[in-house]
PDB file of N, CA and C in Angstrom:
ATOM      1  N   UNK A   1     -36.332  28.556  -7.847  1.00  0.00           N
ATOM      2  CA  UNK A   1     -36.696  27.512  -8.701  1.00  0.00           C
ATOM      3  C   UNK A   1     -35.958  26.325  -8.482  1.00  0.00           C
ATOM      4  N   UNK A   2     -36.273  25.039  -8.115  1.00  0.00           N
ATOM      5  CA  UNK A   2     -35.926  23.818  -7.479  1.00  0.00           C
ATOM      6  C   UNK A   2     -35.810  23.194  -9.025  1.00  0.00           C
ATOM      7  N   UNK A   3     -34.213  22.944  -9.212  1.00  0.00           N
ATOM      8  CA  UNK A   3     -33.851  22.626 -10.175  1.00  0.00           C
ATOM      9  C   UNK A   3     -34.149  21.043 -10.541  1.00  0.00           C
ATOM     10  N   UNK A   4     -34.149  20.367  -9.186  1.00  0.00           N
ATOM     11  CA  UNK A   4     -34.351  18.923  -8.858  1.00  0.00           C
ATOM     12  C   UNK A   4     -35.888  18.413  -9.468  1.00  0.00           C
ATOM     13  N   UNK A   5     -36.564  19.557  -8.627  1.00  0.00           N
ATOM     14  CA  UNK A   5     -38.114  19.194  -9.135  1.00  0.00           C
ATOM     15  C   UNK A   5     -38.378  19.563 -10.478  1.00  0.00           C
ATOM     16  N   UNK A   6     -37.713  20.448 -11.159  1.00  0.00           N
ATOM     17  CA  UNK A   6     -37.806  20.978 -12.667  1.00  0.00           C
ATOM     18  C   UNK A   6     -37.539  20.005 -13.360  1.00  0.00           C
ATOM     19  N   UNK A   7     -36.401  19.098 -13.036  1.00  0.00           N
ATOM     20  CA  UNK A   7     -36.029  17.958 -14.131  1.00  0.00           C
ATOM     21  C   UNK A   7     -36.866  16.975 -13.640  1.00  0.00           C
ATOM     22  N   UNK A   8     -37.253  16.719 -12.474  1.00  0.00           N
ATOM     23  CA  UNK A   8     -38.305  15.420 -12.369  1.00  0.00           C
ATOM     24  C   UNK A   8     -39.595  15.708 -13.121  1.00  0.00           C
ATOM     25  N   UNK A   9     -40.171  16.965 -13.314  1.00  0.00           N
ATOM     26  CA  UNK A   9     -41.327  17.751 -13.793  1.00  0.00           C
ATOM     27  C   UNK A   9     -41.200  17.131 -15.231  1.00  0.00           C
ATOM     28  N   UNK A  10     -39.847  17.346 -15.990  1.00  0.00           N
ATOM     29  CA  UNK A  10     -39.853  16.897 -17.548  1.00  0.00           C
ATOM     30  C   UNK A  10     -39.605  15.509 -17.730  1.00  0.00           C
ATOM     31  N   UNK A  11     -38.925  14.973 -16.846  1.00  0.00           N
ATOM     32  CA  UNK A  11     -38.963  13.128 -16.963  1.00  0.00           C
ATOM     33  C   UNK A  11     -40.440  12.624 -16.845  1.00  0.00           C
ATOM     34  N   UNK A  12     -41.104  13.095 -15.731  1.00  0.00           N
ATOM     35  CA  UNK A  12     -42.202  12.351 -15.394  1.00  0.00           C
ATOM     36  C   UNK A  12     -42.982  12.850 -16.880  1.00  0.00           C
ATOM     37  N   UNK A  13     -43.116  14.026 -17.235  1.00  0.00           N
ATOM     38  CA  UNK A  13     -43.948  14.387 -18.575  1.00  0.00           C
ATOM     39  C   UNK A  13     -43.604  13.607 -19.758  1.00  0.00           C
ATOM     40  N   UNK A  14     -42.323  13.511 -19.987  1.00  0.00           N
ATOM     41  CA  UNK A  14     -41.794  12.489 -20.738  1.00  0.00           C
ATOM     42  C   UNK A  14     -42.120  10.992 -21.017  1.00  0.00           C
ATOM     43  N   UNK A  15     -41.988  10.613 -19.700  1.00  0.00           N
ATOM     44  CA  UNK A  15     -42.261   9.208 -19.413  1.00  0.00           C
ATOM     45  C   UNK A  15     -44.008   9.079 -19.821  1.00  0.00           C
ATOM     46  N   UNK A  16     -44.726   9.934 -19.358  1.00  0.00           N
ATOM     47  CA  UNK A  16     -46.111   9.861 -19.390  1.00  0.00           C
ATOM     48  C   UNK A  16     -46.446   9.906 -20.990  1.00  0.00           C
ATOM     49  N   UNK A  17     -45.775  10.633 -21.906  1.00  0.00           N
ATOM     50  CA  UNK A  17     -45.818  10.735 -23.282  1.00  0.00           C
ATOM     51  C   UNK A  17     -45.526   9.660 -23.711  1.00  0.00           C
ATOM     52  N   UNK A  18     -44.413   8.814 -23.699  1.00  0.00           N
ATOM     53  CA  UNK A  18     -44.093   7.767 -24.020  1.00  0.00           C
ATOM     54  C   UNK A  18     -44.881   6.578 -23.550  1.00  0.00           C
ATOM     55  N   UNK A  19     -45.462   6.777 -22.379  1.00  0.00           N
ATOM     56  CA  UNK A  19     -46.187   5.696 -22.196  1.00  0.00           C
ATOM     57  C   UNK A  19     -47.721   5.763 -22.829  1.00  0.00           C
ATOM     58  N   UNK A  20     -48.109   6.863 -23.183  1.00  0.00           N
ATOM     59  CA  UNK A  20     -49.146   7.172 -23.923  1.00  0.00           C
ATOM     60  C   UNK A  20     -49.218   6.774 -25.436  1.00  0.00           C
ATOM     61  N   UNK A  21     -48.149   7.158 -25.815  1.00  0.00           N
ATOM     62  CA  UNK A  21     -47.734   6.304 -27.488  1.00  0.00           C
ATOM     63  C   UNK A  21     -47.854   4.986 -27.399  1.00  0.00           C
ATOM     64  N   UNK A  22     -47.006   4.398 -26.402  1.00  0.00           N
ATOM     65  CA  UNK A  22     -46.912   2.897 -26.349  1.00  0.00           C
ATOM     66  C   UNK A  22     -48.180   2.343 -26.075  1.00  0.00           C
ATOM     67  N   UNK A  23     -49.374   2.873 -25.330  1.00  0.00           N
ATOM     68  CA  UNK A  23     -50.445   2.432 -25.157  1.00  0.00           C
ATOM     69  C   UNK A  23     -51.320   2.391 -26.274  1.00  0.00           C
ATOM     70  N   UNK A  24     -51.083   3.400 -27.055  1.00  0.00           N
ATOM     71  CA  UNK A  24     -51.858   3.534 -28.432  1.00  0.00           C
ATOM     72  C   UNK A  24     -51.446   2.433 -29.097  1.00  0.00           C
ATOM     73  N   UNK A  25     -50.142   2.280 -29.399  1.00  0.00           N
ATOM     74  CA  UNK A  25     -49.422   0.879 -29.951  1.00  0.00           C
ATOM     75  C   UNK A  25     -49.740  -0.418 -29.778  1.00  0.00           C
ATOM     76  N   UNK A  26     -49.708  -0.567 -28.325  1.00  0.00           N
ATOM     77  CA  UNK A  26     -50.473  -2.180 -27.971  1.00  0.00           C
ATOM     78  C   UNK A  26     -51.885  -2.247 -27.916  1.00  0.00           C
ATOM     79  N   UNK A  27     -52.712  -1.167 -27.968  1.00  0.00           N
ATOM     80  CA  UNK A  27     -54.107  -1.022 -28.184  1.00  0.00           C
ATOM     81  C   UNK A  27     -54.485  -1.350 -29.661  1.00  0.00           C
ATOM     82  N   UNK A  28     -53.432  -0.806 -30.709  1.00  0.00           N
ATOM     83  CA  UNK A  28     -53.795  -0.839 -32.327  1.00  0.00           C
ATOM     84  C   UNK A  28     -53.282  -2.482 -32.528  1.00  0.00           C
ATOM     85  N   UNK A  29     -52.069  -3.159 -31.760  1.00  0.00           N
ATOM     86  CA  UNK A  29     -51.851  -4.483 -31.685  1.00  0.00           C
ATOM     87  C   UNK A  29     -53.053  -5.395 -31.632  1.00  0.00           C
ATOM     88  N   UNK A  30     -53.765  -5.240 -30.246  1.00  0.00           N
ATOM     89  CA  UNK A  30     -54.773  -6.038 -29.905  1.00  0.00           C
ATOM     90  C   UNK A  30     -55.863  -6.019 -30.805  1.00  0.00           C
ATOM     91  N   UNK A  31     -56.184  -4.931 -31.388  1.00  0.00           N
ATOM     92  CA  UNK A  31     -57.258  -4.544 -32.329  1.00  0.00           C
ATOM     93  C   UNK A  31     -56.842  -5.525 -33.436  1.00  0.00           C
ATOM     94  N   UNK A  32     -55.757  -5.517 -34.093  1.00  0.00           N
ATOM     95  CA  UNK A  32     -55.437  -5.790 -35.493  1.00  0.00           C
ATOM     96  C   UNK A  32     -55.116  -7.507 -35.112  1.00  0.00           C
ATOM     97  N   UNK A  33     -55.131  -8.097 -34.080  1.00  0.00           N
ATOM     98  CA  UNK A  33     -55.202  -9.446 -33.720  1.00  0.00           C
ATOM     99  C   UNK A  33     -56.740  -9.791 -33.609  1.00  0.00           C
ATOM    100  N   UNK A  34     -57.461  -9.231 -33.052  1.00  0.00           N
ATOM    101  CA  UNK A  34     -58.726  -9.468 -32.774  1.00  0.00           C
ATOM    102  C   UNK A  34     -59.620  -9.335 -34.123  1.00  0.00           C
ATOM    103  N   UNK A  35     -59.205  -8.903 -35.083  1.00  0.00           N
ATOM    104  CA  UNK A  35     -60.165  -8.229 -36.000  1.00  0.00           C
ATOM    105  C   UNK A  35     -60.254  -9.690 -37.015  1.00  0.00           C
ATOM    106  N   UNK A  36     -61.836  -9.635 -37.440  1.00  0.00           N
ATOM    107  CA  UNK A  36     -62.201 -10.847 -38.203  1.00  0.00           C
ATOM    108  C   UNK A  36     -62.869 -10.128 -39.395  1.00  0.00           C
ATOM    109  N   UNK A  37     -62.726 -10.176 -40.727  1.00  0.00           N
ATOM    110  CA  UNK A  37     -63.262  -9.698 -41.626  1.00  0.00           C
ATOM    111  C   UNK A  37     -64.482 -10.369 -41.982  1.00  0.00           C
ATOM    112  N   UNK A  38     -65.482  -9.815 -42.449  1.00  0.00           N
ATOM    113  CA  UNK A  38     -66.892 -10.198 -42.897  1.00  0.00           C
ATOM    114  C   UNK A  38     -66.807 -10.646 -44.227  1.00  0.00           C
ATOM    115  N   UNK A  39     -66.339 -12.019 -44.517  1.00  0.00           N
ATOM    116  CA  UNK A  39     -66.338 -12.443 -46.069  1.00  0.00           C
ATOM    117  C   UNK A  39     -67.521 -12.767 -46.903  1.00  0.00           C
ATOM    118  N   UNK A  40     -68.636 -13.258 -45.892  1.00  0.00           N
ATOM    119  CA  UNK A  40     -70.010 -13.210 -46.536  1.00  0.00           C
ATOM    120  C   UNK A  40     -70.535 -12.324 -47.144  1.00  0.00           C
ATOM    121  N   UNK A  41     -70.252 -11.106 -46.548  1.00  0.00           N
ATOM    122  CA  UNK A  41     -71.188 -10.205 -47.743  1.00  0.00           C
ATOM    123  C   UNK A  41     -70.126  -9.513 -48.729  1.00  0.00           C
ATOM    124  N   UNK A  42     -68.878  -9.376 -48.525  1.00  0.00           N
ATOM    125  CA  UNK A  42     -68.163  -8.989 -49.641  1.00  0.00           C
ATOM    126  C   UNK A  42     -68.067  -9.944 -50.981  1.00  0.00           C
ATOM    127  N   UNK A  43     -68.127 -11.242 -50.823  1.00  0.00           N
ATOM    128  CA  UNK A  43     -68.742 -12.226 -51.715  1.00  0.00           C
ATOM    129  C   UNK A  43     -69.316 -11.993 -52.984  1.00  0.00           C
ATOM    130  N   UNK A  44     -70.696 -11.429 -52.135  1.00  0.00           N
ATOM    131  CA  UNK A  44     -71.783 -11.162 -52.971  1.00  0.00           C
ATOM    132  C   UNK A  44     -71.554  -9.898 -53.842  1.00  0.00           C
ATOM    133  N   UNK A  45     -70.803  -8.723 -53.554  1.00  0.00           N
ATOM    134  CA  UNK A  45     -70.714  -7.616 -54.135  1.00  0.00           C
ATOM    135  C   UNK A  45     -69.652  -7.503 -55.240  1.00  0.00           C
ATOM    136  N   UNK A  46     -69.865  -6.991 -56.386  1.00  0.00           N
ATOM    137  CA  UNK A  46     -69.268  -7.063 -57.808  1.00  0.00           C
ATOM    138  C   UNK A  46     -67.839  -6.164 -57.513  1.00  0.00           C
ATOM    139  N   UNK A  47     -67.643  -5.411 -56.667  1.00  0.00           N
ATOM    140  CA  UNK A  47     -66.224  -5.049 -56.546  1.00  0.00           C
ATOM    141  C   UNK A  47     -65.382  -6.068 -56.053  1.00  0.00           C
ATOM    142  N   UNK A  48     -64.039  -5.864 -56.704  1.00  0.00           N
ATOM    143  CA  UNK A  48     -63.181  -6.765 -55.919  1.00  0.00           C
ATOM    144  C   UNK A  48     -62.303  -6.479 -54.830  1.00  0.00           C
ATOM    145  N   UNK A  49     -62.049  -7.766 -54.101  1.00  0.00           N
ATOM    146  CA  UNK A  49     -61.433  -7.309 -52.631  1.00  0.00           C
ATOM    147  C   UNK A  49     -60.194  -6.457 -53.017  1.00  0.00           C
ATOM    148  N   UNK A  50     -59.870  -5.853 -51.789  1.00  0.00           N
ATOM    149  CA  UNK A  50     -58.764  -5.152 -51.972  1.00  0.00           C
ATOM    150  C   UNK A  50     -57.312  -6.228 -51.748  1.00  0.00           C
ATOM    151  N   UNK A  51     -56.065  -5.855 -52.368  1.00  0.00           N
ATOM    152  CA  UNK A  51     -54.941  -6.732 -52.335  1.00  0.00           C
ATOM    153  C   UNK A  51     -53.971  -5.886 -51.515  1.00  0.00           C
ATOM    154  N   UNK A  52     -54.192  -4.928 -50.970  1.00  0.00           N
ATOM    155  CA  UNK A  52     -53.080  -4.385 -50.646  1.00  0.00           C
ATOM    156  C   UNK A  52     -53.569  -3.605 -49.169  1.00  0.00           C
ATOM    157  N   UNK A  53     -53.053  -3.769 -47.905  1.00  0.00           N
ATOM    158  CA  UNK A  53     -53.805  -2.905 -46.768  1.00  0.00           C
ATOM    159  C   UNK A  53     -52.815  -1.643 -46.503  1.00  0.00           C
ATOM    160  N   UNK A  54     -53.139  -0.719 -46.033  1.00  0.00           N
ATOM    161  CA  UNK A  54     -52.420   0.553 -45.553  1.00  0.00           C
ATOM    162  C   UNK A  54     -52.598   0.477 -43.798  1.00  0.00           C
ATOM    163  N   UNK A  55     -51.656   0.617 -43.253  1.00  0.00           N
ATOM    164  CA  UNK A  55     -51.831   0.552 -41.878  1.00  0.00           C
ATOM    165  C   UNK A  55     -51.257   2.163 -41.489  1.00  0.00           C
ATOM    166  N   UNK A  56     -51.957   2.606 -40.499  1.00  0.00           N
ATOM    167  CA  UNK A  56     -51.523   3.811 -39.801  1.00  0.00           C
ATOM    168  C   UNK A  56     -52.073   5.220 -40.356  1.00  0.00           C
ATOM    169  N   UNK A  57     -52.040   6.165 -39.862  1.00  0.00           N
ATOM    170  CA  UNK A  57     -52.187   7.299 -40.531  1.00  0.00           C
ATOM    171  C   UNK A  57     -51.060   8.070 -41.012  1.00  0.00           C
ATOM    172  N   UNK A  58     -51.336   8.976 -42.043  1.00  0.00           N
ATOM    173  CA  UNK A  58     -50.598  10.227 -42.240  1.00  0.00           C
ATOM    174  C   UNK A  58     -50.392  11.175 -41.781  1.00  0.00           C
ATOM    175  N   UNK A  59     -49.264  11.699 -40.905  1.00  0.00           N
ATOM    176  CA  UNK A  59     -49.492  12.739 -40.134  1.00  0.00           C
ATOM    177  C   UNK A  59     -48.438  13.928 -40.849  1.00  0.00           C
ATOM    178  N   UNK A  60     -48.859  15.150 -41.180  1.00  0.00           N
ATOM    179  CA  UNK A  60     -47.960  16.177 -41.679  1.00  0.00           C
ATOM    180  C   UNK A  60     -47.802  17.104 -40.448  1.00  0.00           C
ATOM    181  N   UNK A  61     -46.516  17.388 -40.233  1.00  0.00           N
ATOM    182  CA  UNK A  61     -46.014  17.783 -38.918  1.00  0.00           C
ATOM    183  C   UNK A  61     -46.056  19.391 -39.668  1.00  0.00           C
ATOM    184  N   UNK A  62     -46.892  20.330 -39.375  1.00  0.00           N
ATOM    185  CA  UNK A  62     -46.538  21.721 -39.737  1.00  0.00           C
ATOM    186  C   UNK A  62     -46.293  22.628 -38.531  1.00  0.00           C
ATOM    187  N   UNK A  63     -45.923  23.859 -38.782  1.00  0.00           N
ATOM    188  CA  UNK A  63     -45.443  24.515 -37.573  1.00  0.00           C
ATOM    189  C   UNK A  63     -46.808  24.401 -36.464  1.00  0.00           C
ATOM    190  N   UNK A  64     -47.968  24.579 -36.760  1.00  0.00           N
ATOM    191  CA  UNK A  64     -49.131  24.518 -35.661  1.00  0.00           C
ATOM    192  C   UNK A  64     -48.843  23.330 -34.890  1.00  0.00           C
ATOM    193  N   UNK A  65     -49.059  21.944 -35.699  1.00  0.00           N
ATOM    194  CA  UNK A  65     -48.736  20.884 -35.020  1.00  0.00           C
ATOM    195  C   UNK A  65     -47.537  20.925 -34.275  1.00  0.00           C
ATOM    196  N   UNK A  66     -46.766  21.174 -34.460  1.00  0.00           N
ATOM    197  CA  UNK A  66     -45.344  21.340 -33.477  1.00  0.00           C
ATOM    198  C   UNK A  66     -45.285  22.069 -32.701  1.00  0.00           C
ATOM    199  N   UNK A  67     -45.870  23.430 -32.838  1.00  0.00           N
ATOM    200  CA  UNK A  67     -46.179  24.305 -31.507  1.00  0.00           C
ATOM    201  C   UNK A  67     -47.252  23.571 -30.424  1.00  0.00           C
ATOM    202  N   UNK A  68     -48.284  23.169 -31.418  1.00  0.00           N
ATOM    203  CA  UNK A  68     -49.224  22.685 -30.077  1.00  0.00           C
ATOM    204  C   UNK A  68     -48.648  21.428 -29.287  1.00  0.00           C
ATOM    205  N   UNK A  69     -47.626  20.578 -29.727  1.00  0.00           N
ATOM    206  CA  UNK A  69     -47.232  19.287 -29.087  1.00  0.00           C
ATOM    207  C   UNK A  69     -46.421  20.120 -28.001  1.00  0.00           C
ATOM    208  N   UNK A  70     -45.449  21.062 -28.497  1.00  0.00           N
ATOM    209  CA  UNK A  70     -44.589  21.753 -27.584  1.00  0.00           C
ATOM    210  C   UNK A  70     -45.183  22.510 -26.280  1.00  0.00           C
ATOM    211  N   UNK A  71     -46.145  23.156 -26.842  1.00  0.00           N
ATOM    212  CA  UNK A  71     -47.123  23.858 -25.739  1.00  0.00           C
ATOM    213  C   UNK A  71     -47.795  22.806 -24.526  1.00  0.00           C
ATOM    214  N   UNK A  72     -48.024  21.915 -25.284  1.00  0.00           N
ATOM    215  CA  UNK A  72     -48.748  20.815 -24.337  1.00  0.00           C
ATOM    216  C   UNK A  72     -47.912  20.265 -23.366  1.00  0.00           C
ATOM    217  N   UNK A  73     -46.595  20.062 -23.896  1.00  0.00           N
ATOM    218  CA  UNK A  73     -45.503  19.184 -23.282  1.00  0.00           C
ATOM    219  C   UNK A  73     -45.203  20.169 -22.113  1.00  0.00           C
ATOM    220  N   UNK A  74     -45.104  21.359 -22.323  1.00  0.00           N
ATOM    221  CA  UNK A  74     -44.661  22.386 -21.719  1.00  0.00           C
ATOM    222  C   UNK A  74     -45.966  22.770 -20.463  1.00  0.00           C
ATOM    223  N   UNK A  75     -47.066  22.827 -20.534  1.00  0.00           N
ATOM    224  CA  UNK A  75     -48.067  22.981 -19.665  1.00  0.00           C
ATOM    225  C   UNK A  75     -48.228  21.798 -18.878  1.00  0.00           C
ATOM    226  N   UNK A  76     -47.869  20.328 -19.260  1.00  0.00           N
ATOM    227  CA  UNK A  76     -48.162  19.452 -18.457  1.00  0.00           C
ATOM    228  C   UNK A  76     -47.229  19.160 -17.598  1.00  0.00           C
ATOM    229  N   UNK A  77     -45.775  19.602 -17.777  1.00  0.00           N
ATOM    230  CA  UNK A  77     -44.590  19.680 -17.245  1.00  0.00           C
ATOM    231  C   UNK A  77     -44.871  20.897 -15.962  1.00  0.00           C
ATOM    232  N   UNK A  78     -45.312  21.656 -16.426  1.00  0.00           N
ATOM    233  CA  UNK A  78     -45.710  22.955 -15.822  1.00  0.00           C
ATOM    234  C   UNK A  78     -46.654  22.718 -14.397  1.00  0.00           C
ATOM    235  N   UNK A  79     -47.522  22.021 -15.143  1.00  0.00           N
ATOM    236  CA  UNK A  79     -48.667  21.676 -13.953  1.00  0.00           C
ATOM    237  C   UNK A  79     -48.165  20.583 -13.066  1.00  0.00           C
ATOM    238  N   UNK A  80     -47.544  19.880 -13.180  1.00  0.00           N
ATOM    239  CA  UNK A  80     -46.679  18.604 -12.397  1.00  0.00           C
ATOM    240  C   UNK A  80     -45.574  19.321 -11.555  1.00  0.00           C
ATOM    241  N   UNK A  81     -45.194  20.469 -11.930  1.00  0.00           N
ATOM    242  CA  UNK A  81     -44.056  21.362 -10.971  1.00  0.00           C
ATOM    243  C   UNK A  81     -44.878  22.105 -10.088  1.00  0.00           C
ATOM    244  N   UNK A  82     -45.915  22.678 -10.569  1.00  0.00           N
ATOM    245  CA  UNK A  82     -46.803  23.314  -9.713  1.00  0.00           C
ATOM    246  C   UNK A  82     -47.440  22.400  -8.661  1.00  0.00           C
ATOM    247  N   UNK A  83     -47.805  21.451  -9.208  1.00  0.00           N
ATOM    248  CA  UNK A  83     -48.712  20.300  -7.836  1.00  0.00           C
ATOM    249  C   UNK A  83     -47.465  19.922  -6.932  1.00  0.00           C
ATOM    250  N   UNK A  84     -46.229  19.423  -7.344  1.00  0.00           N
ATOM    251  CA  UNK A  84     -45.313  18.887  -6.486  1.00  0.00           C
ATOM    252  C   UNK A  84     -44.822  19.925  -5.652  1.00  0.00           C
ATOM    253  N   UNK A  85     -44.598  21.155  -6.105  1.00  0.00           N
ATOM    254  CA  UNK A  85     -44.014  22.221  -5.156  1.00  0.00           C
ATOM    255  C   UNK A  85     -45.100  22.558  -4.091  1.00  0.00           C
ATOM    256  N   UNK A  86     -46.398  22.586  -4.666  1.00  0.00           N
ATOM    257  CA  UNK A  86     -47.252  22.947  -3.584  1.00  0.00           C
ATOM    258  C   UNK A  86     -47.530  21.820  -2.605  1.00  0.00           C
ATOM    259  N   UNK A  87     -47.288  20.442  -2.819  1.00  0.00           N
ATOM    260  CA  UNK A  87     -47.626  19.471  -1.844  1.00  0.00           C
ATOM    261  C   UNK A  87     -46.301  19.431  -1.128  1.00  0.00           C
ATOM    262  N   UNK A  88     -44.934  19.525  -1.654  1.00  0.00           N
ATOM    263  CA  UNK A  88     -44.094  19.827  -0.752  1.00  0.00           C
ATOM    264  C   UNK A  88     -44.027  21.096   0.291  1.00  0.00           C
ATOM    265  N   UNK A  89     -44.603  22.147  -0.186  1.00  0.00           N
ATOM    266  CA  UNK A  89     -44.835  23.330   0.871  1.00  0.00           C
ATOM    267  C   UNK A  89     -45.914  22.722   1.859  1.00  0.00           C
ATOM    268  N   UNK A  90     -47.278  22.221   1.143  1.00  0.00           N
ATOM    269  CA  UNK A  90     -48.108  21.766   2.249  1.00  0.00           C
ATOM    270  C   UNK A  90     -47.748  20.743   3.460  1.00  0.00           C
ATOM    271  N   UNK A  91     -46.815  19.750   2.774  1.00  0.00           N
ATOM    272  CA  UNK A  91     -46.057  18.663   3.927  1.00  0.00           C
ATOM    273  C   UNK A  91     -45.237  19.415   4.872  1.00  0.00           C
ATOM    274  N   UNK A  92     -44.507  20.440   4.639  1.00  0.00           N
ATOM    275  CA  UNK A  92     -43.601  21.263   5.339  1.00  0.00           C
ATOM    276  C   UNK A  92     -44.408  21.855   6.610  1.00  0.00           C
ATOM    277  N   UNK A  93     -45.448  22.328   6.271  1.00  0.00           N
ATOM    278  CA  UNK A  93     -46.162  23.056   7.114  1.00  0.00           C
ATOM    279  C   UNK A  93     -47.188  22.053   8.327  1.00  0.00           C
ATOM    280  N   UNK A  94     -47.394  21.011   7.540  1.00  0.00           N
ATOM    281  CA  UNK A  94     -47.913  20.218   8.689  1.00  0.00           C
ATOM    282  C   UNK A  94     -47.086  19.479   9.733  1.00  0.00           C
TER     283      UNK A  94
END
């Protein structure tokens, strides 16, 4: 097992995961900036307008969620390791 390649696989997977989370945050910020509420239909209804706004979702991390996240991370790192090692072997043969 190539230790350098294994470390690279873990780092690339970690950076990919952080980038995915950051993209979701940026996308949510853009959607929030561009949101324009429709006040014409809400004024005619008899229900009062909300005075508080809830942001985000509530995520409860149980053992299944943690296990799925760890297994997904390991599968992605293993797939990257396999592809990179196969690519290295293929370039050495050429």
